[in-house]
Amino acid sequence: MSMAGSAVFSYLFLLIASLFAAASAGNFYRNFDVTWGDGRGKIFNNGQMLTLSLDKASASGFQSKNEYLFGRIDMQLKLVPGNSAGTVTAYYLSSQGAAHDEIDFKFSEDGTAIREFKNFESISVPFLKSQAMRIYSSLWNADDWATQGGRVKTDWSKAPFTTSYRNFNANACIWSNGKSSYSSTSASRNNVWLAQELDTTSQARMKWV
């Protein structure tokens, strides 16, 4: 069951790489492809907003055009409002292949972190740093298991269900054709995030999530 509200979240996974300066404006037409849904995924407002919809006939989804090695990615989501029982909004990063890496995001309100994944390779804990990943998101029906083991069904009289996305921003290393290049969708490249970590207050709030 998805939650109504907005979430802003970022991801960071590190890899030592050669960086080359490049810049582009954050735009859904330029940065994403609607990959399925037979017209249920739409980009509008001159590329500043994307929506996915779900009805009884089909779900929908999109993926980023670029693959990213490391960086900071920001996206604002408005999840399905009202009675969203049975619907799932998935947002994740994934590489390709049988031994792929994947990062799945959970949603919280007010910018509260709910997971912190540190690099502990020094004690043999695997860390995601060697495979480039695309951004994926989809809106789909899961009322056969997601709501009390399938006992609560999706209320299709409320369809179409809609999730919206806006304010995409990337400061990231793009991997393409075996080479890396740095790209920023913001007006000024700000790499303060490279040294960011949770402060004591944020760590305390995370323990209660």
N, C-alpha and C. Protein backbone atom coordinates (compact mmCIF):
# COMPACT_ATOMS: atom_id res chain seq x y z
N MET A 1 0.85 -1.19 0.00
CA MET A 1 0.00 0.00 0.00
C MET A 1 0.88 1.23 0.00
N SER A 2 0.69 2.15 -0.92
CA SER A 2 1.52 3.34 -1.01
C SER A 2 0.99 4.41 -0.07
N MET A 3 1.80 5.44 0.18
CA MET A 3 1.44 6.51 1.10
C MET A 3 1.20 7.79 0.33
N ALA A 4 0.18 8.57 0.75
CA ALA A 4 -0.05 9.87 0.14
C ALA A 4 0.95 10.85 0.69
N GLY A 5 1.38 11.77 -0.14
CA GLY A 5 2.31 12.78 0.33
C GLY A 5 3.43 12.99 -0.65
N SER A 6 4.42 13.74 -0.24
CA SER A 6 5.56 14.05 -1.08
C SER A 6 6.81 13.52 -0.44
N ALA A 7 7.79 13.19 -1.25
CA ALA A 7 9.06 12.73 -0.72
C ALA A 7 10.17 13.29 -1.58
N VAL A 8 11.19 13.77 -0.94
CA VAL A 8 12.38 14.21 -1.65
C VAL A 8 13.51 13.34 -1.16
N PHE A 9 14.21 12.71 -2.05
CA PHE A 9 15.27 11.85 -1.59
C PHE A 9 16.41 11.85 -2.58
N SER A 10 17.55 11.45 -2.10
CA SER A 10 18.77 11.47 -2.87
C SER A 10 19.48 10.14 -2.71
N TYR A 11 20.37 9.81 -3.65
CA TYR A 11 21.18 8.63 -3.45
C TYR A 11 22.63 8.97 -3.70
N LEU A 12 23.49 8.19 -3.10
CA LEU A 12 24.92 8.41 -3.24
C LEU A 12 25.63 7.07 -3.24
N PHE A 13 26.30 6.75 -4.31
CA PHE A 13 27.17 5.59 -4.29
C PHE A 13 28.43 5.95 -5.05
N LEU A 14 29.59 5.61 -4.48
CA LEU A 14 30.85 6.18 -4.90
C LEU A 14 31.70 5.22 -5.70
N LEU A 15 32.42 5.78 -6.67
CA LEU A 15 33.38 5.04 -7.47
C LEU A 15 34.47 6.01 -7.88
N ILE A 16 35.73 5.61 -7.77
CA ILE A 16 36.82 6.45 -8.25
C ILE A 16 36.78 6.44 -9.77
N ALA A 17 36.67 7.59 -10.39
CA ALA A 17 36.55 7.67 -11.85
C ALA A 17 37.10 8.99 -12.33
N SER A 18 37.45 9.06 -13.60
CA SER A 18 37.86 10.31 -14.21
C SER A 18 36.62 11.11 -14.53
N LEU A 19 36.61 12.39 -14.13
CA LEU A 19 35.43 13.22 -14.31
C LEU A 19 35.73 14.30 -15.35
N PHE A 20 34.78 14.51 -16.25
CA PHE A 20 34.90 15.53 -17.26
C PHE A 20 33.68 16.44 -17.17
N ALA A 21 33.89 17.74 -17.27
CA ALA A 21 32.81 18.70 -17.07
C ALA A 21 31.83 18.66 -18.23
N ALA A 22 30.55 18.66 -17.88
CA ALA A 22 29.47 18.77 -18.86
C ALA A 22 28.27 19.31 -18.11
N ALA A 23 27.37 19.97 -18.81
CA ALA A 23 26.21 20.54 -18.13
C ALA A 23 24.97 20.40 -18.99
N SER A 24 23.83 20.17 -18.34
CA SER A 24 22.56 20.11 -19.05
C SER A 24 21.45 20.49 -18.09
N ALA A 25 20.35 20.97 -18.59
CA ALA A 25 19.23 21.38 -17.75
C ALA A 25 18.36 20.18 -17.43
N GLY A 26 17.86 20.11 -16.16
CA GLY A 26 17.00 19.02 -15.76
C GLY A 26 15.68 19.07 -16.52
N ASN A 27 15.37 18.03 -17.29
CA ASN A 27 14.19 18.03 -18.13
C ASN A 27 13.78 16.58 -18.38
N PHE A 28 12.51 16.24 -18.14
CA PHE A 28 12.08 14.85 -18.29
C PHE A 28 12.16 14.38 -19.74
N TYR A 29 11.91 15.25 -20.70
CA TYR A 29 12.06 14.85 -22.10
C TYR A 29 13.50 14.44 -22.38
N ARG A 30 14.44 15.19 -21.84
CA ARG A 30 15.85 14.97 -22.12
C ARG A 30 16.43 13.81 -21.31
N ASN A 31 15.92 13.61 -20.10
CA ASN A 31 16.58 12.69 -19.18
C ASN A 31 15.87 11.35 -18.96
N PHE A 32 14.62 11.21 -19.44
CA PHE A 32 13.86 9.98 -19.17
C PHE A 32 13.09 9.50 -20.38
N ASP A 33 12.81 8.19 -20.40
CA ASP A 33 11.93 7.57 -21.39
C ASP A 33 10.78 6.88 -20.67
N VAL A 34 9.55 7.15 -21.10
CA VAL A 34 8.41 6.36 -20.63
C VAL A 34 8.46 5.04 -21.39
N THR A 35 8.67 3.95 -20.69
CA THR A 35 8.99 2.68 -21.33
C THR A 35 7.81 1.73 -21.50
N TRP A 36 6.74 1.95 -20.73
CA TRP A 36 5.57 1.08 -20.89
C TRP A 36 4.34 1.74 -20.28
N GLY A 37 3.17 1.24 -20.66
CA GLY A 37 1.93 1.78 -20.13
C GLY A 37 0.94 2.23 -21.19
N ASP A 38 1.33 2.15 -22.48
CA ASP A 38 0.40 2.47 -23.57
C ASP A 38 -0.24 3.84 -23.37
N GLY A 39 0.60 4.86 -23.17
CA GLY A 39 0.12 6.23 -23.05
C GLY A 39 -0.23 6.67 -21.64
N ARG A 40 -0.07 5.78 -20.66
CA ARG A 40 -0.41 6.14 -19.28
C ARG A 40 0.71 6.90 -18.57
N GLY A 41 1.88 6.92 -19.16
CA GLY A 41 2.96 7.76 -18.66
C GLY A 41 3.08 8.98 -19.55
N LYS A 42 3.06 10.18 -18.95
CA LYS A 42 3.04 11.41 -19.74
C LYS A 42 4.03 12.44 -19.19
N ILE A 43 4.64 13.19 -20.11
CA ILE A 43 5.53 14.29 -19.76
C ILE A 43 4.89 15.58 -20.26
N PHE A 44 4.84 16.60 -19.42
CA PHE A 44 4.22 17.86 -19.84
C PHE A 44 4.87 19.02 -19.10
N ASN A 45 4.26 20.22 -19.20
CA ASN A 45 4.84 21.45 -18.64
C ASN A 45 6.26 21.68 -19.16
N ASN A 46 6.41 21.54 -20.48
CA ASN A 46 7.72 21.74 -21.12
C ASN A 46 8.81 20.85 -20.53
N GLY A 47 8.42 19.64 -20.15
CA GLY A 47 9.39 18.68 -19.64
C GLY A 47 9.67 18.80 -18.16
N GLN A 48 8.89 19.62 -17.43
CA GLN A 48 9.15 19.83 -16.01
C GLN A 48 8.37 18.89 -15.10
N MET A 49 7.43 18.12 -15.65
CA MET A 49 6.65 17.19 -14.83
C MET A 49 6.38 15.91 -15.60
N LEU A 50 6.35 14.80 -14.87
CA LEU A 50 6.02 13.50 -15.45
C LEU A 50 4.98 12.84 -14.55
N THR A 51 3.98 12.19 -15.16
CA THR A 51 3.00 11.45 -14.37
C THR A 51 2.90 10.02 -14.88
N LEU A 52 2.65 9.10 -13.95
CA LEU A 52 2.32 7.71 -14.27
C LEU A 52 0.90 7.46 -13.78
N SER A 53 0.15 6.66 -14.53
CA SER A 53 -1.21 6.32 -14.10
C SER A 53 -1.43 4.82 -14.17
N LEU A 54 -2.39 4.38 -13.37
CA LEU A 54 -2.74 2.97 -13.26
C LEU A 54 -4.25 2.83 -13.35
N ASP A 55 -4.71 1.94 -14.23
CA ASP A 55 -6.12 1.57 -14.26
C ASP A 55 -6.21 0.06 -14.33
N LYS A 56 -7.40 -0.47 -14.46
CA LYS A 56 -7.57 -1.92 -14.40
C LYS A 56 -6.93 -2.62 -15.60
N ALA A 57 -6.72 -1.88 -16.69
CA ALA A 57 -6.16 -2.48 -17.90
C ALA A 57 -4.65 -2.54 -17.90
N SER A 58 -3.98 -1.54 -17.28
CA SER A 58 -2.52 -1.50 -17.38
C SER A 58 -1.90 -0.60 -16.33
N ALA A 59 -0.66 -0.92 -15.99
CA ALA A 59 0.19 -0.06 -15.16
C ALA A 59 1.08 0.77 -16.09
N SER A 60 2.10 1.45 -15.54
CA SER A 60 3.00 2.24 -16.38
C SER A 60 4.33 2.45 -15.67
N GLY A 61 5.35 2.84 -16.45
CA GLY A 61 6.67 3.04 -15.85
C GLY A 61 7.60 3.81 -16.75
N PHE A 62 8.73 4.26 -16.18
CA PHE A 62 9.75 4.99 -16.96
C PHE A 62 11.14 4.63 -16.46
N GLN A 63 12.15 5.02 -17.23
CA GLN A 63 13.54 4.83 -16.83
C GLN A 63 14.37 6.00 -17.33
N SER A 64 15.51 6.21 -16.69
CA SER A 64 16.41 7.28 -17.12
C SER A 64 17.13 6.90 -18.39
N LYS A 65 17.43 7.89 -19.21
CA LYS A 65 18.22 7.64 -20.41
C LYS A 65 19.67 7.32 -20.04
N ASN A 66 20.15 7.94 -18.97
CA ASN A 66 21.55 7.78 -18.57
C ASN A 66 21.72 6.69 -17.52
N GLU A 67 22.92 6.13 -17.49
CA GLU A 67 23.36 5.26 -16.40
C GLU A 67 24.35 6.06 -15.56
N TYR A 68 24.26 5.92 -14.24
CA TYR A 68 25.08 6.72 -13.33
C TYR A 68 26.00 5.83 -12.50
N LEU A 69 27.27 6.27 -12.38
CA LEU A 69 28.23 5.57 -11.54
C LEU A 69 28.17 6.06 -10.10
N PHE A 70 28.11 7.36 -9.91
CA PHE A 70 27.95 7.93 -8.58
C PHE A 70 27.36 9.31 -8.72
N GLY A 71 26.87 9.86 -7.63
CA GLY A 71 26.35 11.22 -7.69
C GLY A 71 25.24 11.47 -6.70
N ARG A 72 24.64 12.63 -6.83
CA ARG A 72 23.45 12.98 -6.05
C ARG A 72 22.30 13.19 -7.03
N ILE A 73 21.20 12.47 -6.79
CA ILE A 73 20.00 12.59 -7.61
C ILE A 73 18.85 13.03 -6.72
N ASP A 74 18.17 14.11 -7.09
CA ASP A 74 17.01 14.59 -6.35
C ASP A 74 15.76 14.47 -7.22
N MET A 75 14.66 14.06 -6.61
CA MET A 75 13.38 13.97 -7.30
C MET A 75 12.27 14.20 -6.28
N GLN A 76 11.28 15.01 -6.64
CA GLN A 76 10.10 15.16 -5.80
C GLN A 76 8.98 14.29 -6.37
N LEU A 77 8.35 13.51 -5.49
CA LEU A 77 7.25 12.64 -5.87
C LEU A 77 5.99 13.02 -5.10
N LYS A 78 4.87 12.98 -5.78
CA LYS A 78 3.58 13.05 -5.10
C LYS A 78 2.92 11.70 -5.33
N LEU A 79 2.78 10.93 -4.26
CA LEU A 79 2.26 9.57 -4.37
C LEU A 79 0.74 9.58 -4.51
N VAL A 80 0.18 8.41 -4.80
CA VAL A 80 -1.27 8.30 -5.04
C VAL A 80 -2.03 8.82 -3.83
N PRO A 81 -2.90 9.83 -4.00
CA PRO A 81 -3.65 10.38 -2.87
C PRO A 81 -4.88 9.54 -2.53
N GLY A 82 -5.43 9.78 -1.35
CA GLY A 82 -6.68 9.14 -0.98
C GLY A 82 -6.52 7.65 -0.73
N ASN A 83 -7.54 6.89 -1.08
CA ASN A 83 -7.54 5.44 -0.88
C ASN A 83 -6.68 4.78 -1.95
N SER A 84 -5.42 4.53 -1.61
CA SER A 84 -4.48 3.95 -2.57
C SER A 84 -4.21 2.48 -2.30
N ALA A 85 -5.04 1.85 -1.47
CA ALA A 85 -4.84 0.45 -1.11
C ALA A 85 -4.69 -0.42 -2.35
N GLY A 86 -3.65 -1.25 -2.36
CA GLY A 86 -3.41 -2.15 -3.47
C GLY A 86 -2.43 -1.63 -4.50
N THR A 87 -2.22 -0.30 -4.53
CA THR A 87 -1.30 0.28 -5.51
C THR A 87 0.11 0.36 -4.93
N VAL A 88 1.10 0.24 -5.80
CA VAL A 88 2.50 0.34 -5.39
C VAL A 88 3.22 1.31 -6.32
N THR A 89 3.87 2.32 -5.74
CA THR A 89 4.76 3.19 -6.48
C THR A 89 6.19 2.75 -6.18
N ALA A 90 6.87 2.21 -7.17
CA ALA A 90 8.24 1.73 -7.00
C ALA A 90 9.22 2.75 -7.56
N TYR A 91 10.30 3.01 -6.84
CA TYR A 91 11.35 3.92 -7.30
C TYR A 91 12.67 3.28 -6.89
N TYR A 92 13.53 3.01 -7.87
CA TYR A 92 14.75 2.28 -7.55
C TYR A 92 15.82 2.52 -8.61
N LEU A 93 17.03 2.11 -8.27
CA LEU A 93 18.18 2.14 -9.17
C LEU A 93 18.59 0.72 -9.45
N SER A 94 18.98 0.43 -10.68
CA SER A 94 19.39 -0.94 -10.99
C SER A 94 20.37 -0.94 -12.15
N SER A 95 21.37 -1.83 -12.04
CA SER A 95 22.25 -2.12 -13.17
C SER A 95 21.63 -3.29 -13.93
N GLN A 96 22.32 -3.76 -14.96
CA GLN A 96 21.80 -4.83 -15.79
C GLN A 96 22.56 -6.13 -15.55
N GLY A 97 21.96 -7.25 -15.97
CA GLY A 97 22.65 -8.53 -15.90
C GLY A 97 22.22 -9.38 -14.72
N ALA A 98 22.63 -10.65 -14.75
CA ALA A 98 22.24 -11.61 -13.72
C ALA A 98 22.78 -11.24 -12.35
N ALA A 99 23.97 -10.64 -12.31
CA ALA A 99 24.58 -10.24 -11.04
C ALA A 99 24.43 -8.74 -10.83
N HIS A 100 23.22 -8.23 -11.10
CA HIS A 100 23.01 -6.79 -11.05
C HIS A 100 22.96 -6.27 -9.61
N ASP A 101 23.27 -4.97 -9.47
CA ASP A 101 23.10 -4.26 -8.21
C ASP A 101 21.78 -3.51 -8.25
N GLU A 102 21.15 -3.32 -7.10
CA GLU A 102 19.87 -2.62 -7.05
C GLU A 102 19.73 -1.89 -5.72
N ILE A 103 19.21 -0.67 -5.78
CA ILE A 103 18.90 0.10 -4.58
C ILE A 103 17.42 0.46 -4.64
N ASP A 104 16.63 -0.04 -3.69
CA ASP A 104 15.21 0.27 -3.62
C ASP A 104 14.97 1.35 -2.58
N PHE A 105 14.12 2.33 -2.92
CA PHE A 105 13.85 3.43 -2.01
C PHE A 105 12.55 3.23 -1.26
N LYS A 106 12.58 3.58 0.03
CA LYS A 106 11.38 3.64 0.85
C LYS A 106 11.02 5.12 1.01
N PHE A 107 9.75 5.40 1.24
CA PHE A 107 9.30 6.78 1.30
C PHE A 107 9.03 7.23 2.73
N SER A 108 9.44 8.47 3.02
CA SER A 108 9.09 9.10 4.29
C SER A 108 8.78 10.56 4.02
N GLU A 109 8.09 11.21 4.95
CA GLU A 109 7.77 12.62 4.78
C GLU A 109 8.77 13.49 5.53
N ASP A 110 8.81 14.77 5.19
CA ASP A 110 9.62 15.78 5.90
C ASP A 110 11.12 15.55 5.80
N GLY A 111 11.56 14.83 4.79
CA GLY A 111 12.99 14.68 4.57
C GLY A 111 13.71 13.81 5.58
N THR A 112 12.99 12.94 6.30
CA THR A 112 13.62 12.09 7.30
C THR A 112 14.30 10.90 6.63
N ALA A 113 15.60 10.74 6.88
CA ALA A 113 16.32 9.59 6.34
C ALA A 113 15.83 8.32 7.03
N ILE A 114 15.71 7.22 6.26
CA ILE A 114 15.27 5.97 6.87
C ILE A 114 16.31 4.86 6.70
N ARG A 115 17.34 5.09 5.88
CA ARG A 115 18.43 4.14 5.75
C ARG A 115 19.73 4.91 5.50
N GLU A 116 20.81 4.41 6.05
CA GLU A 116 22.14 4.94 5.76
C GLU A 116 23.04 3.76 5.46
N PHE A 117 23.61 3.75 4.25
CA PHE A 117 24.43 2.62 3.82
C PHE A 117 25.87 3.09 3.67
N LYS A 118 26.70 2.74 4.63
CA LYS A 118 28.09 3.18 4.64
C LYS A 118 28.99 2.13 3.99
N ASN A 119 30.18 2.59 3.60
CA ASN A 119 31.15 1.71 2.97
C ASN A 119 31.99 1.02 4.04
N PHE A 120 31.75 -0.31 4.20
CA PHE A 120 32.52 -1.11 5.14
C PHE A 120 33.26 -2.23 4.41
N GLU A 121 33.77 -1.90 3.22
CA GLU A 121 34.53 -2.91 2.47
C GLU A 121 35.76 -3.39 3.23
N SER A 122 36.26 -2.55 4.13
CA SER A 122 37.45 -2.92 4.90
C SER A 122 37.22 -4.14 5.78
N ILE A 123 35.93 -4.43 6.08
CA ILE A 123 35.60 -5.63 6.86
C ILE A 123 34.77 -6.59 6.01
N SER A 124 34.97 -6.52 4.68
CA SER A 124 34.39 -7.48 3.72
C SER A 124 32.88 -7.37 3.54
N VAL A 125 32.31 -6.18 3.79
CA VAL A 125 30.89 -5.95 3.49
C VAL A 125 30.80 -5.36 2.08
N PRO A 126 30.08 -6.00 1.14
CA PRO A 126 30.00 -5.50 -0.23
C PRO A 126 29.43 -4.08 -0.29
N PHE A 127 29.96 -3.27 -1.20
CA PHE A 127 29.50 -1.89 -1.37
C PHE A 127 29.25 -1.65 -2.85
N LEU A 128 28.11 -1.02 -3.18
CA LEU A 128 27.72 -0.83 -4.58
C LEU A 128 28.52 0.31 -5.20
N LYS A 129 29.53 -0.05 -5.99
CA LYS A 129 30.38 1.00 -6.54
C LYS A 129 30.91 0.69 -7.93
N SER A 130 30.64 -0.50 -8.47
CA SER A 130 31.32 -0.89 -9.70
C SER A 130 30.41 -1.05 -10.91
N GLN A 131 29.08 -0.95 -10.73
CA GLN A 131 28.16 -1.10 -11.85
C GLN A 131 27.29 0.15 -12.00
N ALA A 132 27.26 0.69 -13.21
CA ALA A 132 26.42 1.86 -13.47
C ALA A 132 24.95 1.47 -13.39
N MET A 133 24.12 2.40 -12.91
CA MET A 133 22.70 2.13 -12.69
C MET A 133 21.82 3.17 -13.38
N ARG A 134 20.66 2.72 -13.84
CA ARG A 134 19.62 3.62 -14.31
C ARG A 134 18.61 3.86 -13.19
N ILE A 135 17.87 4.96 -13.31
CA ILE A 135 16.75 5.24 -12.42
C ILE A 135 15.49 4.63 -13.04
N TYR A 136 14.71 3.92 -12.23
CA TYR A 136 13.46 3.33 -12.69
C TYR A 136 12.33 3.71 -11.74
N SER A 137 11.13 3.85 -12.29
CA SER A 137 9.96 4.02 -11.44
C SER A 137 8.74 3.45 -12.16
N SER A 138 7.80 2.94 -11.37
CA SER A 138 6.58 2.38 -11.95
C SER A 138 5.44 2.48 -10.95
N LEU A 139 4.22 2.48 -11.47
CA LEU A 139 3.01 2.47 -10.66
C LEU A 139 2.21 1.26 -11.09
N TRP A 140 1.92 0.34 -10.15
CA TRP A 140 1.30 -0.92 -10.53
C TRP A 140 0.41 -1.46 -9.42
N ASN A 141 -0.38 -2.46 -9.77
CA ASN A 141 -1.33 -3.06 -8.83
C ASN A 141 -0.72 -4.27 -8.16
N ALA A 142 -0.82 -4.32 -6.83
CA ALA A 142 -0.28 -5.45 -6.07
C ALA A 142 -1.27 -5.91 -5.01
N ASP A 143 -2.57 -5.85 -5.33
CA ASP A 143 -3.56 -6.19 -4.31
C ASP A 143 -3.68 -7.69 -4.05
N ASP A 144 -2.86 -8.48 -4.76
CA ASP A 144 -2.85 -9.92 -4.47
C ASP A 144 -1.95 -10.26 -3.29
N TRP A 145 -1.12 -9.27 -2.83
CA TRP A 145 -0.23 -9.54 -1.70
C TRP A 145 0.06 -8.33 -0.82
N ALA A 146 -0.02 -7.10 -1.36
CA ALA A 146 0.48 -5.93 -0.64
C ALA A 146 -0.43 -5.46 0.48
N THR A 147 -1.70 -5.76 0.43
CA THR A 147 -2.66 -5.26 1.41
C THR A 147 -3.22 -6.41 2.23
N GLN A 148 -2.62 -6.58 3.42
CA GLN A 148 -3.03 -7.64 4.33
C GLN A 148 -3.07 -9.00 3.63
N GLY A 149 -2.00 -9.27 2.89
CA GLY A 149 -1.90 -10.55 2.20
C GLY A 149 -2.91 -10.73 1.09
N GLY A 150 -3.42 -9.61 0.55
CA GLY A 150 -4.37 -9.68 -0.55
C GLY A 150 -5.83 -9.64 -0.12
N ARG A 151 -6.08 -9.48 1.18
CA ARG A 151 -7.48 -9.45 1.64
C ARG A 151 -8.19 -8.15 1.28
N VAL A 152 -7.43 -7.03 1.20
CA VAL A 152 -8.01 -5.75 0.80
C VAL A 152 -7.67 -5.51 -0.67
N LYS A 153 -8.69 -5.36 -1.50
CA LYS A 153 -8.49 -5.22 -2.93
C LYS A 153 -8.51 -3.76 -3.37
N THR A 154 -7.88 -3.50 -4.51
CA THR A 154 -7.88 -2.16 -5.09
C THR A 154 -9.30 -1.74 -5.45
N ASP A 155 -9.65 -0.52 -5.08
CA ASP A 155 -10.97 0.02 -5.42
C ASP A 155 -10.88 0.67 -6.80
N TRP A 156 -11.21 -0.08 -7.84
CA TRP A 156 -11.04 0.40 -9.21
C TRP A 156 -12.01 1.52 -9.57
N SER A 157 -13.01 1.78 -8.73
CA SER A 157 -13.90 2.92 -8.99
C SER A 157 -13.16 4.24 -8.79
N LYS A 158 -11.99 4.20 -8.11
CA LYS A 158 -11.17 5.39 -7.89
C LYS A 158 -10.16 5.61 -9.01
N ALA A 159 -10.05 4.67 -9.93
CA ALA A 159 -9.07 4.76 -11.03
C ALA A 159 -9.47 5.86 -12.02
N PRO A 160 -8.52 6.44 -12.76
CA PRO A 160 -7.11 6.07 -12.73
C PRO A 160 -6.37 6.65 -11.52
N PHE A 161 -5.45 5.86 -10.97
CA PHE A 161 -4.58 6.31 -9.90
C PHE A 161 -3.37 6.99 -10.54
N THR A 162 -2.87 8.05 -9.90
CA THR A 162 -1.79 8.83 -10.52
C THR A 162 -0.69 9.16 -9.52
N THR A 163 0.54 9.00 -9.95
CA THR A 163 1.72 9.46 -9.23
C THR A 163 2.42 10.50 -10.09
N SER A 164 2.90 11.59 -9.49
CA SER A 164 3.55 12.64 -10.27
C SER A 164 4.97 12.89 -9.78
N TYR A 165 5.82 13.37 -10.70
CA TYR A 165 7.24 13.59 -10.45
C TYR A 165 7.62 14.97 -10.97
N ARG A 166 8.47 15.67 -10.23
CA ARG A 166 8.93 16.98 -10.68
C ARG A 166 10.27 17.30 -10.01
N ASN A 167 10.86 18.43 -10.43
CA ASN A 167 12.11 18.94 -9.85
C ASN A 167 13.22 17.90 -9.83
N PHE A 168 13.39 17.22 -10.97
CA PHE A 168 14.53 16.31 -11.11
C PHE A 168 15.81 17.12 -11.19
N ASN A 169 16.81 16.69 -10.43
CA ASN A 169 18.10 17.36 -10.45
C ASN A 169 19.20 16.32 -10.27
N ALA A 170 20.22 16.39 -11.09
CA ALA A 170 21.31 15.41 -11.02
C ALA A 170 22.66 16.11 -11.03
N ASN A 171 23.49 15.76 -10.07
CA ASN A 171 24.92 16.08 -10.08
C ASN A 171 25.61 14.73 -10.02
N ALA A 172 25.99 14.21 -11.17
CA ALA A 172 26.36 12.80 -11.22
C ALA A 172 27.36 12.50 -12.31
N CYS A 173 28.00 11.35 -12.16
CA CYS A 173 28.93 10.84 -13.16
C CYS A 173 28.18 9.87 -14.06
N ILE A 174 28.07 10.20 -15.34
CA ILE A 174 27.35 9.39 -16.31
C ILE A 174 28.30 8.40 -16.97
N TRP A 175 27.85 7.15 -17.09
CA TRP A 175 28.64 6.11 -17.74
C TRP A 175 28.03 5.82 -19.11
N SER A 176 28.83 5.95 -20.17
CA SER A 176 28.32 5.72 -21.52
C SER A 176 29.45 5.24 -22.42
N ASN A 177 29.22 4.12 -23.11
CA ASN A 177 30.20 3.58 -24.05
C ASN A 177 31.58 3.39 -23.42
N GLY A 178 31.59 2.91 -22.17
CA GLY A 178 32.84 2.62 -21.51
C GLY A 178 33.59 3.82 -20.97
N LYS A 179 32.95 4.99 -20.97
CA LYS A 179 33.60 6.21 -20.48
C LYS A 179 32.69 6.92 -19.49
N SER A 180 33.31 7.71 -18.60
CA SER A 180 32.54 8.47 -17.63
C SER A 180 32.65 9.95 -17.92
N SER A 181 31.58 10.69 -17.63
CA SER A 181 31.59 12.14 -17.77
C SER A 181 30.71 12.74 -16.70
N TYR A 182 31.13 13.87 -16.16
CA TYR A 182 30.36 14.51 -15.10
C TYR A 182 29.31 15.42 -15.70
N SER A 183 28.09 15.35 -15.17
CA SER A 183 26.99 16.19 -15.65
C SER A 183 26.24 16.78 -14.48
N SER A 184 25.87 18.05 -14.61
CA SER A 184 25.08 18.72 -13.58
C SER A 184 23.87 19.37 -14.23
N THR A 185 22.66 19.11 -13.69
CA THR A 185 21.46 19.74 -14.21
C THR A 185 21.14 21.03 -13.47
N SER A 186 21.92 21.36 -12.45
CA SER A 186 21.69 22.60 -11.71
C SER A 186 22.44 23.75 -12.37
N ALA A 187 22.03 24.97 -12.06
CA ALA A 187 22.65 26.14 -12.68
C ALA A 187 24.12 26.26 -12.31
N SER A 188 24.46 25.92 -11.08
CA SER A 188 25.85 25.94 -10.65
C SER A 188 26.20 24.60 -10.05
N ARG A 189 27.32 24.06 -10.45
CA ARG A 189 27.74 22.75 -9.94
C ARG A 189 28.19 22.89 -8.50
N ASN A 190 27.48 22.22 -7.60
CA ASN A 190 27.75 22.31 -6.18
C ASN A 190 28.03 20.91 -5.66
N ASN A 191 29.27 20.66 -5.27
CA ASN A 191 29.66 19.32 -4.85
C ASN A 191 29.76 19.18 -3.34
N VAL A 192 29.03 20.03 -2.60
CA VAL A 192 29.03 19.95 -1.15
C VAL A 192 28.56 18.57 -0.69
N TRP A 193 27.64 17.95 -1.47
CA TRP A 193 27.08 16.65 -1.11
C TRP A 193 28.14 15.57 -0.97
N LEU A 194 29.31 15.75 -1.61
CA LEU A 194 30.36 14.73 -1.53
C LEU A 194 30.83 14.51 -0.10
N ALA A 195 30.71 15.55 0.73
CA ALA A 195 31.16 15.44 2.12
C ALA A 195 30.00 15.39 3.11
N GLN A 196 28.76 15.26 2.60
CA GLN A 196 27.61 15.25 3.49
C GLN A 196 27.49 13.93 4.25
N GLU A 197 27.02 14.02 5.48
CA GLU A 197 26.67 12.84 6.26
C GLU A 197 25.61 13.23 7.27
N LEU A 198 24.94 12.25 7.84
CA LEU A 198 23.88 12.53 8.79
C LEU A 198 24.45 13.10 10.08
N ASP A 199 23.83 14.19 10.57
CA ASP A 199 24.26 14.72 11.86
C ASP A 199 23.60 13.92 12.98
N THR A 200 23.90 14.29 14.22
CA THR A 200 23.40 13.54 15.37
C THR A 200 21.88 13.54 15.42
N THR A 201 21.25 14.69 15.12
CA THR A 201 19.79 14.79 15.14
C THR A 201 19.16 13.88 14.09
N SER A 202 19.72 13.89 12.87
CA SER A 202 19.19 13.05 11.79
C SER A 202 19.34 11.57 12.11
N GLN A 203 20.46 11.19 12.72
CA GLN A 203 20.67 9.80 13.09
C GLN A 203 19.65 9.36 14.14
N ALA A 204 19.34 10.26 15.09
CA ALA A 204 18.36 9.94 16.13
C ALA A 204 16.96 9.78 15.53
N ARG A 205 16.60 10.66 14.57
CA ARG A 205 15.28 10.56 13.92
C ARG A 205 15.17 9.28 13.12
N MET A 206 16.27 8.88 12.46
CA MET A 206 16.26 7.67 11.64
C MET A 206 15.97 6.43 12.48
N LYS A 207 16.43 6.40 13.73
CA LYS A 207 16.22 5.24 14.60
C LYS A 207 14.75 5.02 14.91
N TRP A 208 13.95 6.10 14.80
CA TRP A 208 12.53 5.98 15.14
C TRP A 208 11.67 5.65 13.94
N VAL A 209 12.26 5.63 12.73
CA VAL A 209 11.47 5.35 11.52
C VAL A 209 11.17 3.86 11.43
